[in-house]
Amino acid sequence: MPMAARRLRDPDINPCLSESDASTRCMDENNYDREKCSTYFLKYKNCRKFWNSVMIQRRQNGVQPSMPTAAERDEILGVMGKMPY
């Protein structure tokens, strides 16, 4: 597997891995009919927006790494009580 593909599959790097997998699975199951999978696409888009805003805020505050690790993301979501997207 190429390095770029491995990085996309790494849960520490890609915070929306499960949403990405769900949208791909939906496309496979529905013969690539995008209309049937629009809710999955919207959830993925909202996930990316949320974690991108977290990353920008951390970068502005000088926190490294700018993207929280998978363990830190689980902790953040646990404090919030529900998925923000």
N, C-alpha and C. Protein backbone atom coordinates (compact mmCIF):
# COMPACT_ATOMS: atom_id res chain seq x y z
N MET A 1 0.86 -1.18 0.00
CA MET A 1 0.00 0.00 0.00
C MET A 1 0.90 1.24 0.00
N PRO A 2 0.63 2.19 -0.88
CA PRO A 2 1.45 3.42 -0.92
C PRO A 2 1.37 4.20 0.39
N MET A 3 2.40 4.98 0.65
CA MET A 3 2.49 5.73 1.91
C MET A 3 1.29 6.65 2.10
N ALA A 4 0.86 7.34 1.04
CA ALA A 4 -0.28 8.26 1.15
C ALA A 4 -1.55 7.50 1.55
N ALA A 5 -1.75 6.33 0.98
CA ALA A 5 -2.94 5.54 1.31
C ALA A 5 -2.87 5.05 2.76
N ARG A 6 -1.67 4.66 3.21
CA ARG A 6 -1.52 4.23 4.60
C ARG A 6 -1.82 5.36 5.56
N ARG A 7 -1.40 6.57 5.20
CA ARG A 7 -1.66 7.71 6.09
C ARG A 7 -3.15 7.99 6.19
N LEU A 8 -3.88 7.84 5.09
CA LEU A 8 -5.33 8.07 5.13
C LEU A 8 -6.04 7.02 5.97
N ARG A 9 -5.47 5.84 6.10
CA ARG A 9 -6.07 4.77 6.89
C ARG A 9 -5.64 4.82 8.35
N ASP A 10 -4.75 5.73 8.71
CA ASP A 10 -4.24 5.84 10.07
C ASP A 10 -5.22 6.64 10.92
N PRO A 11 -5.79 6.05 11.98
CA PRO A 11 -6.77 6.78 12.79
C PRO A 11 -6.19 7.98 13.53
N ASP A 12 -4.86 8.01 13.73
CA ASP A 12 -4.25 9.18 14.38
C ASP A 12 -4.17 10.36 13.43
N ILE A 13 -4.17 10.11 12.14
CA ILE A 13 -4.05 11.17 11.15
C ILE A 13 -5.42 11.57 10.59
N ASN A 14 -6.27 10.59 10.34
CA ASN A 14 -7.58 10.85 9.73
C ASN A 14 -8.67 10.73 10.80
N PRO A 15 -9.20 11.85 11.28
CA PRO A 15 -10.21 11.80 12.34
C PRO A 15 -11.58 11.32 11.85
N CYS A 16 -11.79 11.30 10.55
CA CYS A 16 -13.10 10.94 10.00
C CYS A 16 -13.05 9.62 9.24
N LEU A 17 -12.24 8.71 9.72
CA LEU A 17 -12.06 7.43 9.04
C LEU A 17 -13.35 6.63 9.00
N SER A 18 -14.08 6.57 10.10
CA SER A 18 -15.32 5.78 10.12
C SER A 18 -16.38 6.40 9.21
N GLU A 19 -16.45 7.72 9.14
CA GLU A 19 -17.40 8.38 8.26
C GLU A 19 -17.03 8.15 6.79
N SER A 20 -15.74 8.18 6.51
CA SER A 20 -15.27 7.91 5.16
C SER A 20 -15.60 6.48 4.74
N ASP A 21 -15.35 5.53 5.64
CA ASP A 21 -15.65 4.13 5.34
C ASP A 21 -17.15 3.92 5.14
N ALA A 22 -17.97 4.59 5.95
CA ALA A 22 -19.42 4.45 5.83
C ALA A 22 -19.92 4.98 4.49
N SER A 23 -19.40 6.11 4.04
CA SER A 23 -19.85 6.65 2.75
C SER A 23 -19.39 5.77 1.60
N THR A 24 -18.18 5.22 1.68
CA THR A 24 -17.70 4.31 0.64
C THR A 24 -18.54 3.04 0.60
N ARG A 25 -18.84 2.51 1.78
CA ARG A 25 -19.66 1.30 1.86
C ARG A 25 -21.06 1.55 1.29
N CYS A 26 -21.62 2.72 1.59
CA CYS A 26 -22.94 3.07 1.06
C CYS A 26 -22.91 3.13 -0.47
N MET A 27 -21.87 3.74 -1.01
CA MET A 27 -21.75 3.82 -2.47
C MET A 27 -21.65 2.42 -3.07
N ASP A 28 -20.89 1.54 -2.45
CA ASP A 28 -20.75 0.17 -2.96
C ASP A 28 -22.10 -0.56 -2.91
N GLU A 29 -22.82 -0.40 -1.82
CA GLU A 29 -24.10 -1.11 -1.65
C GLU A 29 -25.21 -0.58 -2.54
N ASN A 30 -25.12 0.70 -2.93
CA ASN A 30 -26.19 1.32 -3.71
C ASN A 30 -25.79 1.58 -5.16
N ASN A 31 -24.85 0.79 -5.66
CA ASN A 31 -24.44 0.87 -7.06
C ASN A 31 -24.03 2.28 -7.47
N TYR A 32 -23.33 2.96 -6.56
CA TYR A 32 -22.77 4.30 -6.78
C TYR A 32 -23.83 5.35 -7.13
N ASP A 33 -25.00 5.22 -6.51
CA ASP A 33 -26.06 6.23 -6.63
C ASP A 33 -25.83 7.25 -5.51
N ARG A 34 -25.29 8.42 -5.88
CA ARG A 34 -24.91 9.44 -4.89
C ARG A 34 -26.10 9.95 -4.09
N GLU A 35 -27.27 10.01 -4.69
CA GLU A 35 -28.44 10.53 -3.98
C GLU A 35 -28.80 9.68 -2.77
N LYS A 36 -28.61 8.38 -2.85
CA LYS A 36 -28.96 7.49 -1.74
C LYS A 36 -27.97 7.61 -0.58
N CYS A 37 -26.81 8.19 -0.84
CA CYS A 37 -25.77 8.26 0.19
C CYS A 37 -25.52 9.69 0.67
N SER A 38 -26.39 10.60 0.36
CA SER A 38 -26.16 12.01 0.68
C SER A 38 -26.02 12.25 2.19
N THR A 39 -26.72 11.48 3.02
CA THR A 39 -26.59 11.68 4.47
C THR A 39 -25.19 11.29 4.94
N TYR A 40 -24.63 10.25 4.35
CA TYR A 40 -23.27 9.83 4.70
C TYR A 40 -22.26 10.89 4.29
N PHE A 41 -22.47 11.47 3.11
CA PHE A 41 -21.56 12.51 2.63
C PHE A 41 -21.64 13.74 3.52
N LEU A 42 -22.83 14.10 3.94
CA LEU A 42 -23.02 15.26 4.81
C LEU A 42 -22.36 15.03 6.17
N LYS A 43 -22.50 13.82 6.70
CA LYS A 43 -21.87 13.51 7.99
C LYS A 43 -20.35 13.59 7.87
N TYR A 44 -19.79 13.09 6.77
CA TYR A 44 -18.35 13.17 6.55
C TYR A 44 -17.90 14.63 6.43
N LYS A 45 -18.65 15.41 5.68
CA LYS A 45 -18.31 16.82 5.50
C LYS A 45 -18.34 17.56 6.83
N ASN A 46 -19.35 17.31 7.65
CA ASN A 46 -19.44 17.96 8.95
C ASN A 46 -18.32 17.50 9.89
N CYS A 47 -17.95 16.24 9.79
CA CYS A 47 -16.83 15.73 10.59
C CYS A 47 -15.55 16.47 10.21
N ARG A 48 -15.28 16.58 8.92
CA ARG A 48 -14.08 17.28 8.47
C ARG A 48 -14.08 18.75 8.93
N LYS A 49 -15.23 19.41 8.83
CA LYS A 49 -15.33 20.80 9.27
C LYS A 49 -15.02 20.93 10.77
N PHE A 50 -15.60 20.04 11.57
CA PHE A 50 -15.42 20.10 13.01
C PHE A 50 -13.95 19.92 13.37
N TRP A 51 -13.31 18.84 12.87
CA TRP A 51 -11.93 18.58 13.25
C TRP A 51 -10.97 19.58 12.63
N ASN A 52 -11.33 20.14 11.49
CA ASN A 52 -10.50 21.20 10.91
C ASN A 52 -10.53 22.44 11.81
N SER A 53 -11.70 22.77 12.35
CA SER A 53 -11.79 23.92 13.25
C SER A 53 -11.00 23.67 14.54
N VAL A 54 -11.03 22.43 15.04
CA VAL A 54 -10.24 22.08 16.22
C VAL A 54 -8.75 22.22 15.91
N MET A 55 -8.35 21.75 14.73
CA MET A 55 -6.95 21.82 14.33
C MET A 55 -6.48 23.27 14.21
N ILE A 56 -7.31 24.11 13.62
CA ILE A 56 -6.96 25.53 13.47
C ILE A 56 -6.82 26.18 14.84
N GLN A 57 -7.76 25.90 15.75
CA GLN A 57 -7.71 26.47 17.10
C GLN A 57 -6.46 26.03 17.84
N ARG A 58 -6.12 24.75 17.74
CA ARG A 58 -4.91 24.25 18.41
C ARG A 58 -3.66 24.88 17.82
N ARG A 59 -3.64 25.06 16.51
CA ARG A 59 -2.48 25.69 15.87
C ARG A 59 -2.34 27.13 16.34
N GLN A 60 -3.46 27.86 16.46
CA GLN A 60 -3.42 29.25 16.93
C GLN A 60 -2.95 29.33 18.38
N ASN A 61 -3.28 28.31 19.17
CA ASN A 61 -2.88 28.29 20.57
C ASN A 61 -1.48 27.70 20.77
N GLY A 62 -0.84 27.29 19.70
CA GLY A 62 0.51 26.75 19.78
C GLY A 62 0.60 25.33 20.30
N VAL A 63 -0.50 24.59 20.23
CA VAL A 63 -0.52 23.20 20.71
C VAL A 63 -0.02 22.29 19.59
N GLN A 64 0.90 21.39 19.95
CA GLN A 64 1.42 20.42 18.98
C GLN A 64 1.09 19.02 19.46
N PRO A 65 0.71 18.12 18.63
CA PRO A 65 0.42 18.29 17.21
C PRO A 65 -0.90 19.03 17.03
N SER A 66 -1.05 19.66 15.89
CA SER A 66 -2.26 20.46 15.68
C SER A 66 -3.51 19.58 15.57
N MET A 67 -3.36 18.37 15.04
CA MET A 67 -4.50 17.43 15.01
C MET A 67 -4.38 16.51 16.22
N PRO A 68 -5.40 16.49 17.07
CA PRO A 68 -5.34 15.60 18.24
C PRO A 68 -5.20 14.14 17.82
N THR A 69 -4.52 13.36 18.64
CA THR A 69 -4.41 11.92 18.37
C THR A 69 -5.77 11.27 18.55
N ALA A 70 -5.89 10.03 18.14
CA ALA A 70 -7.17 9.32 18.26
C ALA A 70 -7.63 9.26 19.72
N ALA A 71 -6.69 9.04 20.64
CA ALA A 71 -7.04 8.98 22.06
C ALA A 71 -7.54 10.35 22.55
N GLU A 72 -6.87 11.41 22.14
CA GLU A 72 -7.31 12.76 22.53
C GLU A 72 -8.67 13.08 21.93
N ARG A 73 -8.92 12.65 20.71
CA ARG A 73 -10.23 12.92 20.07
C ARG A 73 -11.33 12.19 20.81
N ASP A 74 -11.07 10.94 21.24
CA ASP A 74 -12.08 10.21 22.01
C ASP A 74 -12.38 10.93 23.32
N GLU A 75 -11.35 11.47 23.94
CA GLU A 75 -11.53 12.22 25.19
C GLU A 75 -12.34 13.50 24.94
N ILE A 76 -12.03 14.21 23.86
CA ILE A 76 -12.77 15.45 23.51
C ILE A 76 -14.24 15.13 23.29
N LEU A 77 -14.51 14.07 22.52
CA LEU A 77 -15.90 13.70 22.24
C LEU A 77 -16.60 13.22 23.51
N GLY A 78 -15.87 12.56 24.40
CA GLY A 78 -16.46 12.11 25.66
C GLY A 78 -16.89 13.27 26.53
N VAL A 79 -16.07 14.32 26.56
CA VAL A 79 -16.40 15.52 27.34
C VAL A 79 -17.63 16.21 26.75
N MET A 80 -17.75 16.20 25.44
CA MET A 80 -18.89 16.85 24.78
C MET A 80 -20.17 16.09 25.02
N GLY A 81 -20.08 14.77 25.25
CA GLY A 81 -21.25 13.98 25.54
C GLY A 81 -21.95 13.39 24.33
N LYS A 82 -21.74 13.98 23.17
CA LYS A 82 -22.35 13.45 21.94
C LYS A 82 -21.50 13.90 20.76
N MET A 83 -21.78 13.31 19.63
CA MET A 83 -21.05 13.69 18.42
C MET A 83 -21.52 15.06 17.97
N PRO A 84 -20.60 15.98 17.74
CA PRO A 84 -20.99 17.33 17.32
C PRO A 84 -21.32 17.41 15.83
N TYR A 85 -21.27 16.31 15.13
CA TYR A 85 -21.53 16.34 13.69
C TYR A 85 -22.42 15.22 13.26
